[in-house]
Amino acid sequence: MTNLQQHYSLESNLLEQLFSRKRDVIKAVDGVSLELERGETLGLVGESGCGKSTLSRTILQLIPSTGGKVEFQGIDLTALSRDAVRKHRRQMQWYFKIPTLV
C-alpha cells in the first residue's frame, strides 16, 4: 500500500455549494504506506475514531480510496473493477478483536 488516502467532503448547504470554491475535507486516512510480506500479520491499534476501520475498509476496497494504491500479490486493487476486487478479497481477512474489560 502506497500513500493511501481516504478523504471525505463535508456536506454544505446549496448556496455554499454554488458560490464557494472551498470544500471542507476530513482526512480520515492520509498518506499511509506499508508493506507486508507473505504470511505476515498486521494489527491496527488506536483510539476510537482514529481511522482504523476506515483504513481497513479502504485496503479491502470496500470503499474506494481517494488516493494512493493498494497492491495485493503484485496487482493494484485500486485499478480493478468491483467484481475483480471481490475475487482477490477472498484471500484477505479482516478480523475484529474487541478487548474484554476486566
PDB file of N, CA and C in Angstrom:
ATOM      1  N   MET A   1       0.861  -1.157   0.000  1.00  0.00           N
ATOM      2  CA  MET A   1       0.000   0.000   0.000  1.00  0.00           C
ATOM      3  C   MET A   1       0.903   1.214   0.000  1.00  0.00           C
ATOM      4  N   THR A   2       0.613   2.134  -0.879  1.00  0.00           N
ATOM      5  CA  THR A   2       1.439   3.318  -1.025  1.00  0.00           C
ATOM      6  C   THR A   2       0.592   4.578  -0.984  1.00  0.00           C
ATOM      7  N   ASN A   3       0.908   5.463  -0.047  1.00  0.00           N
ATOM      8  CA  ASN A   3       0.271   6.782   0.061  1.00  0.00           C
ATOM      9  C   ASN A   3      -1.254   6.709   0.024  1.00  0.00           C
ATOM     10  N   LEU A   4      -1.825   5.752   0.744  1.00  0.00           N
ATOM     11  CA  LEU A   4      -3.270   5.555   0.736  1.00  0.00           C
ATOM     12  C   LEU A   4      -3.967   6.727   1.414  1.00  0.00           C
ATOM     13  N   GLN A   5      -5.046   7.174   0.783  1.00  0.00           N
ATOM     14  CA  GLN A   5      -5.810   8.305   1.299  1.00  0.00           C
ATOM     15  C   GLN A   5      -7.296   7.998   1.266  1.00  0.00           C
ATOM     16  N   GLN A   6      -7.988   8.473   2.284  1.00  0.00           N
ATOM     17  CA  GLN A   6      -9.443   8.404   2.324  1.00  0.00           C
ATOM     18  C   GLN A   6      -9.923   9.729   2.901  1.00  0.00           C
ATOM     19  N   HIS A   7     -10.382  10.601   2.011  1.00  0.00           N
ATOM     20  CA  HIS A   7     -10.847  11.922   2.410  1.00  0.00           C
ATOM     21  C   HIS A   7     -12.346  12.012   2.165  1.00  0.00           C
ATOM     22  N   TYR A   8     -13.023  12.716   3.055  1.00  0.00           N
ATOM     23  CA  TYR A   8     -14.466  12.904   2.929  1.00  0.00           C
ATOM     24  C   TYR A   8     -14.770  14.396   2.859  1.00  0.00           C
ATOM     25  N   SER A   9     -15.643  14.780   1.938  1.00  0.00           N
ATOM     26  CA  SER A   9     -16.088  16.164   1.840  1.00  0.00           C
ATOM     27  C   SER A   9     -17.217  16.378   2.823  1.00  0.00           C
ATOM     28  N   LEU A  10     -17.160  17.501   3.510  1.00  0.00           N
ATOM     29  CA  LEU A  10     -18.254  17.851   4.414  1.00  0.00           C
ATOM     30  C   LEU A  10     -19.395  18.428   3.588  1.00  0.00           C
ATOM     31  N   GLU A  11     -20.589  17.998   3.886  1.00  0.00           N
ATOM     32  CA  GLU A  11     -21.756  18.495   3.172  1.00  0.00           C
ATOM     33  C   GLU A  11     -22.014  19.942   3.572  1.00  0.00           C
ATOM     34  N   SER A  12     -22.338  20.746   2.603  1.00  0.00           N
ATOM     35  CA  SER A  12     -22.698  22.135   2.874  1.00  0.00           C
ATOM     36  C   SER A  12     -24.059  22.396   2.251  1.00  0.00           C
ATOM     37  N   ASN A  13     -24.629  23.557   2.575  1.00  0.00           N
ATOM     38  CA  ASN A  13     -25.948  23.845   2.009  1.00  0.00           C
ATOM     39  C   ASN A  13     -25.806  24.243   0.541  1.00  0.00           C
ATOM     40  N   LEU A  14     -26.895  24.301  -0.164  1.00  0.00           N
ATOM     41  CA  LEU A  14     -26.902  24.525  -1.604  1.00  0.00           C
ATOM     42  C   LEU A  14     -26.227  25.838  -1.982  1.00  0.00           C
ATOM     43  N   LEU A  15     -26.488  26.932  -1.252  1.00  0.00           N
ATOM     44  CA  LEU A  15     -25.870  28.222  -1.585  1.00  0.00           C
ATOM     45  C   LEU A  15     -24.355  28.162  -1.439  1.00  0.00           C
ATOM     46  N   GLU A  16     -23.877  27.512  -0.387  1.00  0.00           N
ATOM     47  CA  GLU A  16     -22.435  27.379  -0.215  1.00  0.00           C
ATOM     48  C   GLU A  16     -21.827  26.565  -1.350  1.00  0.00           C
ATOM     49  N   GLN A  17     -22.510  25.528  -1.779  1.00  0.00           N
ATOM     50  CA  GLN A  17     -22.005  24.703  -2.874  1.00  0.00           C
ATOM     51  C   GLN A  17     -21.921  25.493  -4.171  1.00  0.00           C
ATOM     52  N   LEU A  18     -22.907  26.389  -4.406  1.00  0.00           N
ATOM     53  CA  LEU A  18     -22.930  27.167  -5.645  1.00  0.00           C
ATOM     54  C   LEU A  18     -21.898  28.290  -5.666  1.00  0.00           C
ATOM     55  N   PHE A  19     -21.696  28.958  -4.508  1.00  0.00           N
ATOM     56  CA  PHE A  19     -20.885  30.171  -4.505  1.00  0.00           C
ATOM     57  C   PHE A  19     -19.504  30.030  -3.878  1.00  0.00           C
ATOM     58  N   SER A  20     -19.223  28.932  -3.268  1.00  0.00           N
ATOM     59  CA  SER A  20     -17.925  28.755  -2.622  1.00  0.00           C
ATOM     60  C   SER A  20     -17.079  27.760  -3.400  1.00  0.00           C
ATOM     61  N   ARG A  21     -15.835  28.100  -3.605  1.00  0.00           N
ATOM     62  CA  ARG A  21     -14.919  27.178  -4.266  1.00  0.00           C
ATOM     63  C   ARG A  21     -14.214  26.307  -3.240  1.00  0.00           C
ATOM     64  N   LYS A  22     -14.254  26.722  -1.998  1.00  0.00           N
ATOM     65  CA  LYS A  22     -13.581  25.994  -0.931  1.00  0.00           C
ATOM     66  C   LYS A  22     -14.439  24.808  -0.482  1.00  0.00           C
ATOM     67  N   ARG A  23     -13.832  23.660  -0.361  1.00  0.00           N
ATOM     68  CA  ARG A  23     -14.514  22.467   0.114  1.00  0.00           C
ATOM     69  C   ARG A  23     -13.851  22.038   1.424  1.00  0.00           C
ATOM     70  N   ASP A  24     -14.651  21.877   2.453  1.00  0.00           N
ATOM     71  CA  ASP A  24     -14.136  21.373   3.717  1.00  0.00           C
ATOM     72  C   ASP A  24     -13.975  19.866   3.612  1.00  0.00           C
ATOM     73  N   VAL A  25     -12.814  19.375   4.001  1.00  0.00           N
ATOM     74  CA  VAL A  25     -12.490  17.961   3.856  1.00  0.00           C
ATOM     75  C   VAL A  25     -12.012  17.396   5.180  1.00  0.00           C
ATOM     76  N   ILE A  26     -12.477  16.196   5.486  1.00  0.00           N
ATOM     77  CA  ILE A  26     -11.957  15.444   6.630  1.00  0.00           C
ATOM     78  C   ILE A  26     -11.005  14.402   6.079  1.00  0.00           C
ATOM     79  N   LYS A  27      -9.777  14.411   6.560  1.00  0.00           N
ATOM     80  CA  LYS A  27      -8.773  13.444   6.117  1.00  0.00           C
ATOM     81  C   LYS A  27      -8.750  12.286   7.100  1.00  0.00           C
ATOM     82  N   ALA A  28      -9.603  11.295   6.842  1.00  0.00           N
ATOM     83  CA  ALA A  28      -9.712  10.144   7.741  1.00  0.00           C
ATOM     84  C   ALA A  28      -8.454   9.285   7.682  1.00  0.00           C
ATOM     85  N   VAL A  29      -7.907   9.109   6.487  1.00  0.00           N
ATOM     86  CA  VAL A  29      -6.653   8.385   6.253  1.00  0.00           C
ATOM     87  C   VAL A  29      -5.874   9.250   5.274  1.00  0.00           C
ATOM     88  N   ASP A  30      -4.621   9.537   5.604  1.00  0.00           N
ATOM     89  CA  ASP A  30      -3.876  10.465   4.754  1.00  0.00           C
ATOM     90  C   ASP A  30      -2.416  10.055   4.628  1.00  0.00           C
ATOM     91  N   GLY A  31      -2.075   9.487   3.491  1.00  0.00           N
ATOM     92  CA  GLY A  31      -0.683   9.177   3.194  1.00  0.00           C
ATOM     93  C   GLY A  31      -0.127   7.964   3.920  1.00  0.00           C
ATOM     94  N   VAL A  32      -0.934   6.929   4.115  1.00  0.00           N
ATOM     95  CA  VAL A  32      -0.466   5.725   4.804  1.00  0.00           C
ATOM     96  C   VAL A  32       0.217   4.796   3.806  1.00  0.00           C
ATOM     97  N   SER A  33       1.442   4.384   4.138  1.00  0.00           N
ATOM     98  CA  SER A  33       2.189   3.434   3.314  1.00  0.00           C
ATOM     99  C   SER A  33       2.711   2.321   4.199  1.00  0.00           C
ATOM    100  N   LEU A  34       2.568   1.100   3.751  1.00  0.00           N
ATOM    101  CA  LEU A  34       3.142  -0.039   4.462  1.00  0.00           C
ATOM    102  C   LEU A  34       3.254  -1.214   3.518  1.00  0.00           C
ATOM    103  N   GLU A  35       4.080  -2.166   3.923  1.00  0.00           N
ATOM    104  CA  GLU A  35       4.299  -3.346   3.098  1.00  0.00           C
ATOM    105  C   GLU A  35       4.325  -4.574   3.999  1.00  0.00           C
ATOM    106  N   LEU A  36       3.579  -5.586   3.619  1.00  0.00           N
ATOM    107  CA  LEU A  36       3.561  -6.860   4.340  1.00  0.00           C
ATOM    108  C   LEU A  36       4.069  -7.950   3.409  1.00  0.00           C
ATOM    109  N   GLU A  37       4.867  -8.824   3.940  1.00  0.00           N
ATOM    110  CA  GLU A  37       5.332  -9.975   3.182  1.00  0.00           C
ATOM    111  C   GLU A  37       4.348 -11.125   3.378  1.00  0.00           C
ATOM    112  N   ARG A  38       4.392 -12.094   2.508  1.00  0.00           N
ATOM    113  CA  ARG A  38       3.514 -13.262   2.586  1.00  0.00           C
ATOM    114  C   ARG A  38       3.612 -13.891   3.983  1.00  0.00           C
ATOM    115  N   GLY A  39       2.463 -14.154   4.599  1.00  0.00           N
ATOM    116  CA  GLY A  39       2.410 -14.791   5.909  1.00  0.00           C
ATOM    117  C   GLY A  39       2.489 -13.830   7.080  1.00  0.00           C
ATOM    118  N   GLU A  40       2.784 -12.568   6.833  1.00  0.00           N
ATOM    119  CA  GLU A  40       2.841 -11.591   7.923  1.00  0.00           C
ATOM    120  C   GLU A  40       1.439 -11.138   8.305  1.00  0.00           C
ATOM    121  N   THR A  41       1.314 -10.700   9.545  1.00  0.00           N
ATOM    122  CA  THR A  41       0.050 -10.205  10.065  1.00  0.00           C
ATOM    123  C   THR A  41       0.255  -8.787  10.569  1.00  0.00           C
ATOM    124  N   LEU A  42      -0.725  -7.936  10.349  1.00  0.00           N
ATOM    125  CA  LEU A  42      -0.661  -6.557  10.801  1.00  0.00           C
ATOM    126  C   LEU A  42      -1.792  -6.312  11.785  1.00  0.00           C
ATOM    127  N   GLY A  43      -1.489  -5.682  12.895  1.00  0.00           N
ATOM    128  CA  GLY A  43      -2.508  -5.286  13.853  1.00  0.00           C
ATOM    129  C   GLY A  43      -2.603  -3.777  13.901  1.00  0.00           C
ATOM    130  N   LEU A  44      -3.802  -3.250  13.812  1.00  0.00           N
ATOM    131  CA  LEU A  44      -4.033  -1.812  13.939  1.00  0.00           C
ATOM    132  C   LEU A  44      -4.611  -1.542  15.308  1.00  0.00           C
ATOM    133  N   VAL A  45      -3.966  -0.669  16.047  1.00  0.00           N
ATOM    134  CA  VAL A  45      -4.402  -0.349  17.399  1.00  0.00           C
ATOM    135  C   VAL A  45      -4.501   1.160  17.509  1.00  0.00           C
ATOM    136  N   GLY A  46      -5.552   1.637  18.139  1.00  0.00           N
ATOM    137  CA  GLY A  46      -5.686   3.073  18.331  1.00  0.00           C
ATOM    138  C   GLY A  46      -7.010   3.417  18.970  1.00  0.00           C
ATOM    139  N   GLU A  47      -7.124   4.676  19.302  1.00  0.00           N
ATOM    140  CA  GLU A  47      -8.340   5.164  19.952  1.00  0.00           C
ATOM    141  C   GLU A  47      -9.535   5.096  19.008  1.00  0.00           C
ATOM    142  N   SER A  48     -10.695   5.112  19.575  1.00  0.00           N
ATOM    143  CA  SER A  48     -11.923   5.148  18.808  1.00  0.00           C
ATOM    144  C   SER A  48     -11.938   6.394  17.933  1.00  0.00           C
ATOM    145  N   GLY A  49     -12.263   6.211  16.659  1.00  0.00           N
ATOM    146  CA  GLY A  49     -12.363   7.346  15.752  1.00  0.00           C
ATOM    147  C   GLY A  49     -11.061   7.762  15.100  1.00  0.00           C
ATOM    148  N   CYS A  50      -9.992   6.978  15.282  1.00  0.00           N
ATOM    149  CA  CYS A  50      -8.694   7.393  14.721  1.00  0.00           C
ATOM    150  C   CYS A  50      -8.485   6.929  13.282  1.00  0.00           C
ATOM    151  N   GLY A  51      -9.396   6.109  12.723  1.00  0.00           N
ATOM    152  CA  GLY A  51      -9.297   5.722  11.324  1.00  0.00           C
ATOM    153  C   GLY A  51      -8.959   4.264  11.067  1.00  0.00           C
ATOM    154  N   LYS A  52      -8.949   3.427  12.097  1.00  0.00           N
ATOM    155  CA  LYS A  52      -8.605   2.004  11.926  1.00  0.00           C
ATOM    156  C   LYS A  52      -9.569   1.307  10.967  1.00  0.00           C
ATOM    157  N   SER A  53     -10.848   1.454  11.203  1.00  0.00           N
ATOM    158  CA  SER A  53     -11.847   0.793  10.349  1.00  0.00           C
ATOM    159  C   SER A  53     -11.861   1.386   8.952  1.00  0.00           C
ATOM    160  N   THR A  54     -11.704   2.685   8.851  1.00  0.00           N
ATOM    161  CA  THR A  54     -11.663   3.333   7.537  1.00  0.00           C
ATOM    162  C   THR A  54     -10.464   2.833   6.747  1.00  0.00           C
ATOM    163  N   LEU A  55      -9.305   2.722   7.392  1.00  0.00           N
ATOM    164  CA  LEU A  55      -8.119   2.203   6.720  1.00  0.00           C
ATOM    165  C   LEU A  55      -8.355   0.765   6.258  1.00  0.00           C
ATOM    166  N   SER A  56      -8.923  -0.056   7.130  1.00  0.00           N
ATOM    167  CA  SER A  56      -9.189  -1.458   6.779  1.00  0.00           C
ATOM    168  C   SER A  56     -10.159  -1.569   5.616  1.00  0.00           C
ATOM    169  N   ARG A  57     -11.230  -0.816   5.659  1.00  0.00           N
ATOM    170  CA  ARG A  57     -12.219  -0.850   4.568  1.00  0.00           C
ATOM    171  C   ARG A  57     -11.602  -0.381   3.248  1.00  0.00           C
ATOM    172  N   THR A  58     -10.707   0.602   3.333  1.00  0.00           N
ATOM    173  CA  THR A  58     -10.061   1.122   2.131  1.00  0.00           C
ATOM    174  C   THR A  58      -9.059   0.114   1.574  1.00  0.00           C
ATOM    175  N   ILE A  59      -8.315  -0.549   2.442  1.00  0.00           N
ATOM    176  CA  ILE A  59      -7.375  -1.580   1.988  1.00  0.00           C
ATOM    177  C   ILE A  59      -8.133  -2.680   1.248  1.00  0.00           C
ATOM    178  N   LEU A  60      -9.247  -3.114   1.806  1.00  0.00           N
ATOM    179  CA  LEU A  60     -10.039  -4.179   1.192  1.00  0.00           C
ATOM    180  C   LEU A  60     -10.892  -3.686   0.026  1.00  0.00           C
ATOM    181  N   GLN A  61     -10.844  -2.386  -0.246  1.00  0.00           N
ATOM    182  CA  GLN A  61     -11.617  -1.769  -1.318  1.00  0.00           C
ATOM    183  C   GLN A  61     -13.120  -1.926  -1.113  1.00  0.00           C
ATOM    184  N   LEU A  62     -13.542  -1.988   0.144  1.00  0.00           N
ATOM    185  CA  LEU A  62     -14.969  -1.955   0.446  1.00  0.00           C
ATOM    186  C   LEU A  62     -15.488  -0.538   0.218  1.00  0.00           C
ATOM    187  N   ILE A  63     -14.592   0.434   0.384  1.00  0.00           N
ATOM    188  CA  ILE A  63     -14.855   1.808  -0.030  1.00  0.00           C
ATOM    189  C   ILE A  63     -13.673   2.223  -0.907  1.00  0.00           C
ATOM    190  N   PRO A  64     -13.935   2.879  -2.025  1.00  0.00           N
ATOM    191  CA  PRO A  64     -12.832   3.261  -2.911  1.00  0.00           C
ATOM    192  C   PRO A  64     -11.957   4.334  -2.277  1.00  0.00           C
ATOM    193  N   SER A  65     -10.664   4.238  -2.496  1.00  0.00           N
ATOM    194  CA  SER A  65      -9.743   5.204  -1.915  1.00  0.00           C
ATOM    195  C   SER A  65      -9.822   6.532  -2.652  1.00  0.00           C
ATOM    196  N   THR A  66      -9.470   7.591  -1.943  1.00  0.00           N
ATOM    197  CA  THR A  66      -9.400   8.919  -2.530  1.00  0.00           C
ATOM    198  C   THR A  66      -8.095   9.078  -3.305  1.00  0.00           C
ATOM    199  N   GLY A  67      -7.056   8.389  -2.841  1.00  0.00           N
ATOM    200  CA  GLY A  67      -5.761   8.479  -3.498  1.00  0.00           C
ATOM    201  C   GLY A  67      -4.865   7.341  -3.055  1.00  0.00           C
ATOM    202  N   GLY A  68      -3.753   7.185  -3.742  1.00  0.00           N
ATOM    203  CA  GLY A  68      -2.813   6.119  -3.432  1.00  0.00           C
ATOM    204  C   GLY A  68      -3.216   4.814  -4.087  1.00  0.00           C
ATOM    205  N   LYS A  69      -2.492   3.762  -3.730  1.00  0.00           N
ATOM    206  CA  LYS A  69      -2.844   2.464  -4.313  1.00  0.00           C
ATOM    207  C   LYS A  69      -2.612   1.345  -3.305  1.00  0.00           C
ATOM    208  N   VAL A  70      -3.356   0.280  -3.529  1.00  0.00           N
ATOM    209  CA  VAL A  70      -3.249  -0.927  -2.717  1.00  0.00           C
ATOM    210  C   VAL A  70      -2.872  -2.056  -3.656  1.00  0.00           C
ATOM    211  N   GLU A  71      -1.713  -2.654  -3.425  1.00  0.00           N
ATOM    212  CA  GLU A  71      -1.284  -3.786  -4.232  1.00  0.00           C
ATOM    213  C   GLU A  71      -1.415  -5.056  -3.408  1.00  0.00           C
ATOM    214  N   PHE A  72      -1.949  -6.087  -4.029  1.00  0.00           N
ATOM    215  CA  PHE A  72      -2.073  -7.400  -3.397  1.00  0.00           C
ATOM    216  C   PHE A  72      -1.556  -8.426  -4.377  1.00  0.00           C
ATOM    217  N   GLN A  73      -0.515  -9.120  -3.990  1.00  0.00           N
ATOM    218  CA  GLN A  73       0.145 -10.112  -4.854  1.00  0.00           C
ATOM    219  C   GLN A  73       0.534  -9.503  -6.203  1.00  0.00           C
ATOM    220  N   GLY A  74       1.032  -8.264  -6.144  1.00  0.00           N
ATOM    221  CA  GLY A  74       1.509  -7.582  -7.338  1.00  0.00           C
ATOM    222  C   GLY A  74       0.445  -6.944  -8.203  1.00  0.00           C
ATOM    223  N   ILE A  75      -0.804  -6.973  -7.774  1.00  0.00           N
ATOM    224  CA  ILE A  75      -1.911  -6.407  -8.558  1.00  0.00           C
ATOM    225  C   ILE A  75      -2.455  -5.181  -7.833  1.00  0.00           C
ATOM    226  N   ASP A  76      -2.600  -4.084  -8.554  1.00  0.00           N
ATOM    227  CA  ASP A  76      -3.136  -2.842  -7.988  1.00  0.00           C
ATOM    228  C   ASP A  76      -4.655  -2.969  -7.872  1.00  0.00           C
ATOM    229  N   LEU A  77      -5.139  -3.178  -6.657  1.00  0.00           N
ATOM    230  CA  LEU A  77      -6.577  -3.354  -6.436  1.00  0.00           C
ATOM    231  C   LEU A  77      -7.369  -2.092  -6.737  1.00  0.00           C
ATOM    232  N   THR A  78      -6.734  -0.928  -6.593  1.00  0.00           N
ATOM    233  CA  THR A  78      -7.444   0.327  -6.831  1.00  0.00           C
ATOM    234  C   THR A  78      -7.756   0.546  -8.304  1.00  0.00           C
ATOM    235  N   ALA A  79      -7.137  -0.219  -9.189  1.00  0.00           N
ATOM    236  CA  ALA A  79      -7.357  -0.074 -10.628  1.00  0.00           C
ATOM    237  C   ALA A  79      -8.330  -1.126 -11.178  1.00  0.00           C
ATOM    238  N   LEU A  80      -8.811  -2.026 -10.318  1.00  0.00           N
ATOM    239  CA  LEU A  80      -9.665  -3.120 -10.782  1.00  0.00           C
ATOM    240  C   LEU A  80     -11.139  -2.779 -10.648  1.00  0.00           C
ATOM    241  N   SER A  81     -11.960  -3.514 -11.379  1.00  0.00           N
ATOM    242  CA  SER A  81     -13.408  -3.387 -11.233  1.00  0.00           C
ATOM    243  C   SER A  81     -13.833  -3.992  -9.895  1.00  0.00           C
ATOM    244  N   ARG A  82     -15.037  -3.684  -9.505  1.00  0.00           N
ATOM    245  CA  ARG A  82     -15.561  -4.199  -8.235  1.00  0.00           C
ATOM    246  C   ARG A  82     -15.582  -5.728  -8.205  1.00  0.00           C
ATOM    247  N   ASP A  83     -15.984  -6.348  -9.307  1.00  0.00           N
ATOM    248  CA  ASP A  83     -16.023  -7.815  -9.379  1.00  0.00           C
ATOM    249  C   ASP A  83     -14.630  -8.421  -9.310  1.00  0.00           C
ATOM    250  N   ALA A  84     -13.669  -7.802  -9.975  1.00  0.00           N
ATOM    251  CA  ALA A  84     -12.294  -8.312  -9.948  1.00  0.00           C
ATOM    252  C   ALA A  84     -11.698  -8.199  -8.545  1.00  0.00           C
ATOM    253  N   VAL A  85     -11.999  -7.111  -7.851  1.00  0.00           N
ATOM    254  CA  VAL A  85     -11.506  -6.933  -6.479  1.00  0.00           C
ATOM    255  C   VAL A  85     -12.096  -8.009  -5.572  1.00  0.00           C
ATOM    256  N   ARG A  86     -13.357  -8.319  -5.764  1.00  0.00           N
ATOM    257  CA  ARG A  86     -14.041  -9.315  -4.937  1.00  0.00           C
ATOM    258  C   ARG A  86     -13.323 -10.660  -4.980  1.00  0.00           C
ATOM    259  N   LYS A  87     -12.809 -11.039  -6.132  1.00  0.00           N
ATOM    260  CA  LYS A  87     -12.086 -12.310  -6.259  1.00  0.00           C
ATOM    261  C   LYS A  87     -10.811 -12.306  -5.420  1.00  0.00           C
ATOM    262  N   HIS A  88     -10.112 -11.200  -5.398  1.00  0.00           N
ATOM    263  CA  HIS A  88      -8.877 -11.101  -4.609  1.00  0.00           C
ATOM    264  C   HIS A  88      -9.168 -10.978  -3.119  1.00  0.00           C
ATOM    265  N   ARG A  89     -10.282 -10.344  -2.788  1.00  0.00           N
ATOM    266  CA  ARG A  89     -10.639 -10.122  -1.391  1.00  0.00           C
ATOM    267  C   ARG A  89     -10.838 -11.437  -0.636  1.00  0.00           C
ATOM    268  N   ARG A  90     -11.188 -12.486  -1.346  1.00  0.00           N
ATOM    269  CA  ARG A  90     -11.384 -13.792  -0.710  1.00  0.00           C
ATOM    270  C   ARG A  90     -10.097 -14.307  -0.068  1.00  0.00           C
ATOM    271  N   GLN A  91      -8.951 -13.779  -0.487  1.00  0.00           N
ATOM    272  CA  GLN A  91      -7.665 -14.212   0.045  1.00  0.00           C
ATOM    273  C   GLN A  91      -7.169 -13.299   1.172  1.00  0.00           C
ATOM    274  N   MET A  92      -7.961 -12.288   1.524  1.00  0.00           N
ATOM    275  CA  MET A  92      -7.602 -11.364   2.599  1.00  0.00           C
ATOM    276  C   MET A  92      -8.573 -11.544   3.752  1.00  0.00           C
ATOM    277  N   GLN A  93      -8.168 -11.072   4.924  1.00  0.00           N
ATOM    278  CA  GLN A  93      -9.026 -11.235   6.088  1.00  0.00           C
ATOM    279  C   GLN A  93      -8.968  -9.999   6.958  1.00  0.00           C
ATOM    280  N   TRP A  94     -10.121  -9.648   7.477  1.00  0.00           N
ATOM    281  CA  TRP A  94     -10.252  -8.534   8.409  1.00  0.00           C
ATOM    282  C   TRP A  94     -10.874  -9.109   9.662  1.00  0.00           C
ATOM    283  N   TYR A  95     -10.159  -9.029  10.746  1.00  0.00           N
ATOM    284  CA  TYR A  95     -10.584  -9.665  11.990  1.00  0.00           C
ATOM    285  C   TYR A  95     -10.728  -8.609  13.069  1.00  0.00           C
ATOM    286  N   PHE A  96     -11.918  -8.500  13.636  1.00  0.00           N
ATOM    287  CA  PHE A  96     -12.140  -7.554  14.731  1.00  0.00           C
ATOM    288  C   PHE A  96     -11.810  -8.200  16.049  1.00  0.00           C
ATOM    289  N   LYS A  97     -11.061  -7.529  16.861  1.00  0.00           N
ATOM    290  CA  LYS A  97     -10.774  -8.001  18.208  1.00  0.00           C
ATOM    291  C   LYS A  97     -11.329  -6.978  19.167  1.00  0.00           C
ATOM    292  N   ILE A  98     -12.340  -7.374  19.888  1.00  0.00           N
ATOM    293  CA  ILE A  98     -12.934  -6.481  20.865  1.00  0.00           C
ATOM    294  C   ILE A  98     -12.339  -6.828  22.229  1.00  0.00           C
ATOM    295  N   PRO A  99     -11.594  -5.894  22.807  1.00  0.00           N
ATOM    296  CA  PRO A  99     -10.950  -6.189  24.083  1.00  0.00           C
ATOM    297  C   PRO A  99     -11.987  -6.424  25.192  1.00  0.00           C
ATOM    298  N   THR A 100     -11.658  -7.297  26.084  1.00  0.00           N
ATOM    299  CA  THR A 100     -12.536  -7.589  27.210  1.00  0.00           C
ATOM    300  C   THR A 100     -12.120  -6.743  28.387  1.00  0.00           C
ATOM    301  N   LEU A 101     -13.064  -6.057  28.942  1.00  0.00           N
ATOM    302  CA  LEU A 101     -12.774  -5.245  30.124  1.00  0.00           C
ATOM    303  C   LEU A 101     -12.911  -6.102  31.367  1.00  0.00           C
ATOM    304  N   VAL A 102     -11.928  -6.067  32.212  1.00  0.00           N
ATOM    305  CA  VAL A 102     -11.957  -6.871  33.434  1.00  0.00           C
ATOM    306  C   VAL A 102     -12.119  -5.980  34.630  1.00  0.00           C
TER     307      VAL A 102
END
